[in-house]
Amino acid sequence: MKETTLNDLLRDELKDLYNAEQQMVKALPKMAKAADSGDLQAAFEEHLTQTKGHVERLEQAFDLMGVPARGKKCQAMHGLIEEGKELIAEGLSDTVLDAGLIGAAQKVEHYEIAAYGTARTHASLLGLSELADLLEQTLEEEKQTDAKLSELAGDINVAAEAPSNGRSKRVRVTA
C-alpha cells in the first residue's frame, strides 16, 4: 500500500508490528530453550506471555481503526530473528551464548521500542487517544523487558567473560 496520509502510514505501521509480534511468538520459545540461565529462560517465557498480549492489543488497535487485523512481513524482525538463529547455531559455550541471546533480544526490544513509540506518536497526532494509549501500554512493557535484560546481562556477561568461557559446560547463572 502506498502511504498518502499519516493515517495510512499508521495502518501500515500496525501491520508491521502485528507481524513482528507474531514472529516473536514463534521465536521466544526457541530462545528460552537455547538459554542456559534459568533467569534468562524465565525472562523469555515471561516475555512470550507479554508478546501474546501485544498481539491481542494490536488486534484491538485494528478494531479501533476499523480495519481487519492483518500483518505485512516485518523484514526488520525477520532479520533480527535470523541473527538469533545463527547465534544459537554457532556452538558457543553456555554462558557466552546466554550473553549473545541477551544482545539479540535487546536488539529486538530496541526495534520494538522505536516502532511502538513512532506508532503511538502518530496515533496521538491523529487524535486517536484510545489507540495511542494501547500502544503506550505495549511500549512501556517493551521498555521494562529491555531493562530486565540489562539487569540479567550484568551477571551473565561477567560469567561469559570468565577464563573458562571457552569450555562448553553448564554453568547456572542467577541474578
C-alpha atoms as a PDB file:
ATOM      1  CA  MET A   1       0.000   0.000   0.000  1.00  0.00           C
ATOM      2  CA  LYS A   2       1.274   3.441  -0.880  1.00  0.00           C
ATOM      3  CA  GLU A   3       1.023   5.713   2.146  1.00  0.00           C
ATOM      4  CA  THR A   4      -0.543   9.039   1.253  1.00  0.00           C
ATOM      5  CA  THR A   5      -1.669  10.216   4.692  1.00  0.00           C
ATOM      6  CA  LEU A   6      -0.430   9.850   8.246  1.00  0.00           C
ATOM      7  CA  ASN A   7      -3.456   7.633   8.867  1.00  0.00           C
ATOM      8  CA  ASP A   8      -2.346   5.327   6.024  1.00  0.00           C
ATOM      9  CA  LEU A   9       1.166   5.260   7.462  1.00  0.00           C
ATOM     10  CA  LEU A  10      -0.167   4.372  10.916  1.00  0.00           C
ATOM     11  CA  ARG A  11      -2.173   1.447   9.492  1.00  0.00           C
ATOM     12  CA  ASP A  12       0.983   0.243   7.742  1.00  0.00           C
ATOM     13  CA  GLU A  13       2.987   0.564  10.964  1.00  0.00           C
ATOM     14  CA  LEU A  14       0.379  -1.508  12.823  1.00  0.00           C
ATOM     15  CA  LYS A  15       0.559  -4.207  10.151  1.00  0.00           C
ATOM     16  CA  ASP A  16       4.336  -4.305  10.505  1.00  0.00           C
ATOM     17  CA  LEU A  17       4.119  -4.514  14.304  1.00  0.00           C
ATOM     18  CA  TYR A  18       1.446  -7.211  14.120  1.00  0.00           C
ATOM     19  CA  ASN A  19       3.670  -9.423  12.014  1.00  0.00           C
ATOM     20  CA  ALA A  20       6.735  -8.604  14.122  1.00  0.00           C
ATOM     21  CA  GLU A  21       4.944  -9.721  17.293  1.00  0.00           C
ATOM     22  CA  GLN A  22       3.689 -12.886  15.608  1.00  0.00           C
ATOM     23  CA  GLN A  23       7.252 -13.710  14.577  1.00  0.00           C
ATOM     24  CA  MET A  24       8.376 -13.207  18.180  1.00  0.00           C
ATOM     25  CA  VAL A  25       5.667 -15.551  19.475  1.00  0.00           C
ATOM     26  CA  LYS A  26       7.387 -18.257  17.421  1.00  0.00           C
ATOM     27  CA  ALA A  27      10.971 -17.225  18.248  1.00  0.00           C
ATOM     28  CA  LEU A  28      10.786 -16.735  22.023  1.00  0.00           C
ATOM     29  CA  PRO A  29      10.268 -20.427  22.912  1.00  0.00           C
ATOM     30  CA  LYS A  30      13.386 -21.283  20.874  1.00  0.00           C
ATOM     31  CA  MET A  31      15.358 -18.583  22.656  1.00  0.00           C
ATOM     32  CA  ALA A  32      14.182 -19.848  26.043  1.00  0.00           C
ATOM     33  CA  LYS A  33      15.153 -23.405  25.121  1.00  0.00           C
ATOM     34  CA  ALA A  34      18.612 -22.286  23.972  1.00  0.00           C
ATOM     35  CA  ALA A  35      19.297 -20.267  27.138  1.00  0.00           C
ATOM     36  CA  ASP A  36      21.260 -21.909  29.941  1.00  0.00           C
ATOM     37  CA  SER A  37      20.477 -19.393  32.685  1.00  0.00           C
ATOM     38  CA  GLY A  38      17.247 -20.199  34.462  1.00  0.00           C
ATOM     39  CA  ASP A  39      16.630 -16.487  34.970  1.00  0.00           C
ATOM     40  CA  LEU A  40      17.101 -15.801  31.262  1.00  0.00           C
ATOM     41  CA  GLN A  41      14.793 -18.680  30.347  1.00  0.00           C
ATOM     42  CA  ALA A  42      12.168 -17.282  32.717  1.00  0.00           C
ATOM     43  CA  ALA A  43      12.559 -13.801  31.227  1.00  0.00           C
ATOM     44  CA  PHE A  44      11.987 -15.152  27.713  1.00  0.00           C
ATOM     45  CA  GLU A  45       8.974 -17.155  28.871  1.00  0.00           C
ATOM     46  CA  GLU A  46       7.517 -14.122  30.658  1.00  0.00           C
ATOM     47  CA  HIS A  47       8.049 -12.003  27.570  1.00  0.00           C
ATOM     48  CA  LEU A  48       6.313 -14.648  25.458  1.00  0.00           C
ATOM     49  CA  THR A  49       3.211 -14.210  27.608  1.00  0.00           C
ATOM     50  CA  GLN A  50       3.504 -10.429  27.223  1.00  0.00           C
ATOM     51  CA  THR A  51       4.032 -10.739  23.476  1.00  0.00           C
ATOM     52  CA  LYS A  52       0.824 -12.722  23.092  1.00  0.00           C
ATOM     53  CA  GLY A  53      -0.855  -9.824  24.890  1.00  0.00           C
ATOM     54  CA  HIS A  54       0.801  -7.399  22.460  1.00  0.00           C
ATOM     55  CA  VAL A  55      -0.777  -9.315  19.571  1.00  0.00           C
ATOM     56  CA  GLU A  56      -4.186  -9.027  21.242  1.00  0.00           C
ATOM     57  CA  ARG A  57      -3.649  -5.312  21.871  1.00  0.00           C
ATOM     58  CA  LEU A  58      -2.746  -4.799  18.215  1.00  0.00           C
ATOM     59  CA  GLU A  59      -5.954  -6.593  17.232  1.00  0.00           C
ATOM     60  CA  GLN A  60      -7.814  -4.046  19.389  1.00  0.00           C
ATOM     61  CA  ALA A  61      -5.890  -1.289  17.627  1.00  0.00           C
ATOM     62  CA  PHE A  62      -7.032  -2.554  14.243  1.00  0.00           C
ATOM     63  CA  ASP A  63     -10.613  -2.640  15.544  1.00  0.00           C
ATOM     64  CA  LEU A  64     -10.299   0.970  16.685  1.00  0.00           C
ATOM     65  CA  MET A  65      -9.127   1.922  13.200  1.00  0.00           C
ATOM     66  CA  GLY A  66     -11.943  -0.048  11.587  1.00  0.00           C
ATOM     67  CA  VAL A  67      -9.644  -2.272   9.560  1.00  0.00           C
ATOM     68  CA  PRO A  68      -9.049  -6.042   9.650  1.00  0.00           C
ATOM     69  CA  ALA A  69      -6.121  -7.303  11.726  1.00  0.00           C
ATOM     70  CA  ARG A  70      -3.627  -8.212   9.050  1.00  0.00           C
ATOM     71  CA  GLY A  71       0.110  -8.142   9.075  1.00  0.00           C
ATOM     72  CA  LYS A  72       2.684  -7.472   6.432  1.00  0.00           C
ATOM     73  CA  LYS A  73       6.041  -9.160   6.689  1.00  0.00           C
ATOM     74  CA  CYS A  74       8.282  -7.220   9.020  1.00  0.00           C
ATOM     75  CA  GLN A  75      11.657  -7.561   7.355  1.00  0.00           C
ATOM     76  CA  ALA A  76      13.465  -5.971  10.297  1.00  0.00           C
ATOM     77  CA  MET A  77      12.148  -8.548  12.772  1.00  0.00           C
ATOM     78  CA  HIS A  78      12.819 -11.335  10.303  1.00  0.00           C
ATOM     79  CA  GLY A  79      16.453 -10.230  10.070  1.00  0.00           C
ATOM     80  CA  LEU A  80      16.860  -9.909  13.842  1.00  0.00           C
ATOM     81  CA  ILE A  81      15.407 -13.378  14.383  1.00  0.00           C
ATOM     82  CA  GLU A  82      17.709 -14.827  11.720  1.00  0.00           C
ATOM     83  CA  GLU A  83      20.686 -13.312  13.530  1.00  0.00           C
ATOM     84  CA  GLY A  84      19.480 -15.008  16.712  1.00  0.00           C
ATOM     85  CA  LYS A  85      19.182 -18.355  14.943  1.00  0.00           C
ATOM     86  CA  GLU A  86      22.726 -18.013  13.604  1.00  0.00           C
ATOM     87  CA  LEU A  87      23.977 -17.223  17.091  1.00  0.00           C
ATOM     88  CA  ILE A  88      22.323 -20.338  18.515  1.00  0.00           C
ATOM     89  CA  ALA A  89      23.833 -22.485  15.758  1.00  0.00           C
ATOM     90  CA  GLU A  90      27.418 -21.267  16.381  1.00  0.00           C
ATOM     91  CA  GLY A  91      28.157 -23.774  19.152  1.00  0.00           C
ATOM     92  CA  LEU A  92      29.131 -21.177  21.745  1.00  0.00           C
ATOM     93  CA  SER A  93      29.694 -22.080  25.377  1.00  0.00           C
ATOM     94  CA  ASP A  94      26.586 -21.796  27.521  1.00  0.00           C
ATOM     95  CA  THR A  95      27.404 -18.505  29.217  1.00  0.00           C
ATOM     96  CA  VAL A  96      28.686 -16.887  26.030  1.00  0.00           C
ATOM     97  CA  LEU A  97      25.514 -17.989  24.233  1.00  0.00           C
ATOM     98  CA  ASP A  98      23.415 -16.511  27.040  1.00  0.00           C
ATOM     99  CA  ALA A  99      25.294 -13.217  26.691  1.00  0.00           C
ATOM    100  CA  GLY A 100      24.673 -13.320  22.937  1.00  0.00           C
ATOM    101  CA  LEU A 101      20.989 -14.143  23.411  1.00  0.00           C
ATOM    102  CA  ILE A 102      20.604 -11.116  25.660  1.00  0.00           C
ATOM    103  CA  GLY A 103      22.199  -8.932  22.999  1.00  0.00           C
ATOM    104  CA  ALA A 104      19.961 -10.395  20.300  1.00  0.00           C
ATOM    105  CA  ALA A 105      16.872  -9.912  22.456  1.00  0.00           C
ATOM    106  CA  GLN A 106      17.819  -6.325  23.225  1.00  0.00           C
ATOM    107  CA  LYS A 107      18.171  -5.575  19.518  1.00  0.00           C
ATOM    108  CA  VAL A 108      14.587  -6.789  19.151  1.00  0.00           C
ATOM    109  CA  GLU A 109      13.418  -4.711  22.115  1.00  0.00           C
ATOM    110  CA  HIS A 110      15.088  -1.569  20.786  1.00  0.00           C
ATOM    111  CA  TYR A 111      13.438  -2.080  17.405  1.00  0.00           C
ATOM    112  CA  GLU A 112      10.053  -2.561  19.063  1.00  0.00           C
ATOM    113  CA  ILE A 113      10.548   0.460  21.333  1.00  0.00           C
ATOM    114  CA  ALA A 114      11.244   2.617  18.276  1.00  0.00           C
ATOM    115  CA  ALA A 115       8.329   1.160  16.297  1.00  0.00           C
ATOM    116  CA  TYR A 116       5.776   1.422  19.105  1.00  0.00           C
ATOM    117  CA  GLY A 117       6.969   4.916  20.018  1.00  0.00           C
ATOM    118  CA  THR A 118       6.561   6.062  16.430  1.00  0.00           C
ATOM    119  CA  ALA A 119       3.111   4.489  16.046  1.00  0.00           C
ATOM    120  CA  ARG A 120       1.982   5.932  19.394  1.00  0.00           C
ATOM    121  CA  THR A 121       3.110   9.408  18.349  1.00  0.00           C
ATOM    122  CA  HIS A 122       1.297   9.124  15.031  1.00  0.00           C
ATOM    123  CA  ALA A 123      -1.885   7.944  16.766  1.00  0.00           C
ATOM    124  CA  SER A 124      -1.644  10.904  19.167  1.00  0.00           C
ATOM    125  CA  LEU A 125      -1.154  13.366  16.318  1.00  0.00           C
ATOM    126  CA  LEU A 126      -4.233  11.943  14.610  1.00  0.00           C
ATOM    127  CA  GLY A 127      -6.286  12.421  17.787  1.00  0.00           C
ATOM    128  CA  LEU A 128      -6.656   8.654  18.275  1.00  0.00           C
ATOM    129  CA  SER A 129      -6.110   8.782  22.030  1.00  0.00           C
ATOM    130  CA  GLU A 130      -7.522   5.321  22.810  1.00  0.00           C
ATOM    131  CA  LEU A 131      -5.236   3.795  20.182  1.00  0.00           C
ATOM    132  CA  ALA A 132      -2.280   5.842  21.459  1.00  0.00           C
ATOM    133  CA  ASP A 133      -2.979   4.542  24.988  1.00  0.00           C
ATOM    134  CA  LEU A 134      -2.938   0.916  23.764  1.00  0.00           C
ATOM    135  CA  LEU A 135       0.366   1.472  22.000  1.00  0.00           C
ATOM    136  CA  GLU A 136       1.791   3.244  25.066  1.00  0.00           C
ATOM    137  CA  GLN A 137       0.968   0.216  27.249  1.00  0.00           C
ATOM    138  CA  THR A 138       2.955  -2.048  24.962  1.00  0.00           C
ATOM    139  CA  LEU A 139       5.760   0.497  24.645  1.00  0.00           C
ATOM    140  CA  GLU A 140       6.148   0.542  28.437  1.00  0.00           C
ATOM    141  CA  GLU A 141       6.239  -3.271  28.582  1.00  0.00           C
ATOM    142  CA  GLU A 142       8.938  -3.344  25.910  1.00  0.00           C
ATOM    143  CA  LYS A 143      10.990  -0.836  27.913  1.00  0.00           C
ATOM    144  CA  GLN A 144      10.568  -2.953  31.060  1.00  0.00           C
ATOM    145  CA  THR A 145      11.724  -6.060  29.196  1.00  0.00           C
ATOM    146  CA  ASP A 146      14.794  -4.201  27.936  1.00  0.00           C
ATOM    147  CA  ALA A 147      15.594  -3.100  31.496  1.00  0.00           C
ATOM    148  CA  LYS A 148      15.181  -6.686  32.756  1.00  0.00           C
ATOM    149  CA  LEU A 149      17.560  -7.948  30.054  1.00  0.00           C
ATOM    150  CA  SER A 150      20.106  -5.268  31.009  1.00  0.00           C
ATOM    151  CA  GLU A 151      19.862  -6.385  34.625  1.00  0.00           C
ATOM    152  CA  LEU A 152      20.406 -10.040  33.663  1.00  0.00           C
ATOM    153  CA  ALA A 153      23.310  -9.063  31.421  1.00  0.00           C
ATOM    154  CA  GLY A 154      25.252  -7.776  34.415  1.00  0.00           C
ATOM    155  CA  ASP A 155      25.887 -11.239  35.870  1.00  0.00           C
ATOM    156  CA  ILE A 156      25.721 -13.204  32.632  1.00  0.00           C
ATOM    157  CA  ASN A 157      28.246 -11.033  30.790  1.00  0.00           C
ATOM    158  CA  VAL A 158      30.675 -11.309  33.703  1.00  0.00           C
ATOM    159  CA  ALA A 159      30.302 -15.099  33.671  1.00  0.00           C
ATOM    160  CA  ALA A 160      30.783 -15.164  29.884  1.00  0.00           C
ATOM    161  CA  GLU A 161      33.987 -13.158  30.200  1.00  0.00           C
ATOM    162  CA  ALA A 162      35.486 -15.564  32.743  1.00  0.00           C
ATOM    163  CA  PRO A 163      38.543 -17.568  31.567  1.00  0.00           C
ATOM    164  CA  SER A 164      36.559 -20.832  31.474  1.00  0.00           C
ATOM    165  CA  ASN A 165      34.079 -19.412  28.951  1.00  0.00           C
ATOM    166  CA  GLY A 166      35.695 -21.318  26.094  1.00  0.00           C
ATOM    167  CA  ARG A 167      34.544 -24.637  27.514  1.00  0.00           C
ATOM    168  CA  SER A 168      31.060 -25.821  26.843  1.00  0.00           C
ATOM    169  CA  LYS A 169      29.924 -26.734  30.293  1.00  0.00           C
ATOM    170  CA  ARG A 170      26.686 -25.952  32.006  1.00  0.00           C
ATOM    171  CA  VAL A 171      27.018 -23.111  34.483  1.00  0.00           C
ATOM    172  CA  ARG A 172      23.823 -21.924  36.102  1.00  0.00           C
ATOM    173  CA  VAL A 173      23.867 -18.125  36.474  1.00  0.00           C
ATOM    174  CA  THR A 174      21.344 -16.396  38.693  1.00  0.00           C
ATOM    175  CA  ALA A 175      20.629 -12.734  39.196  1.00  0.00           C
END
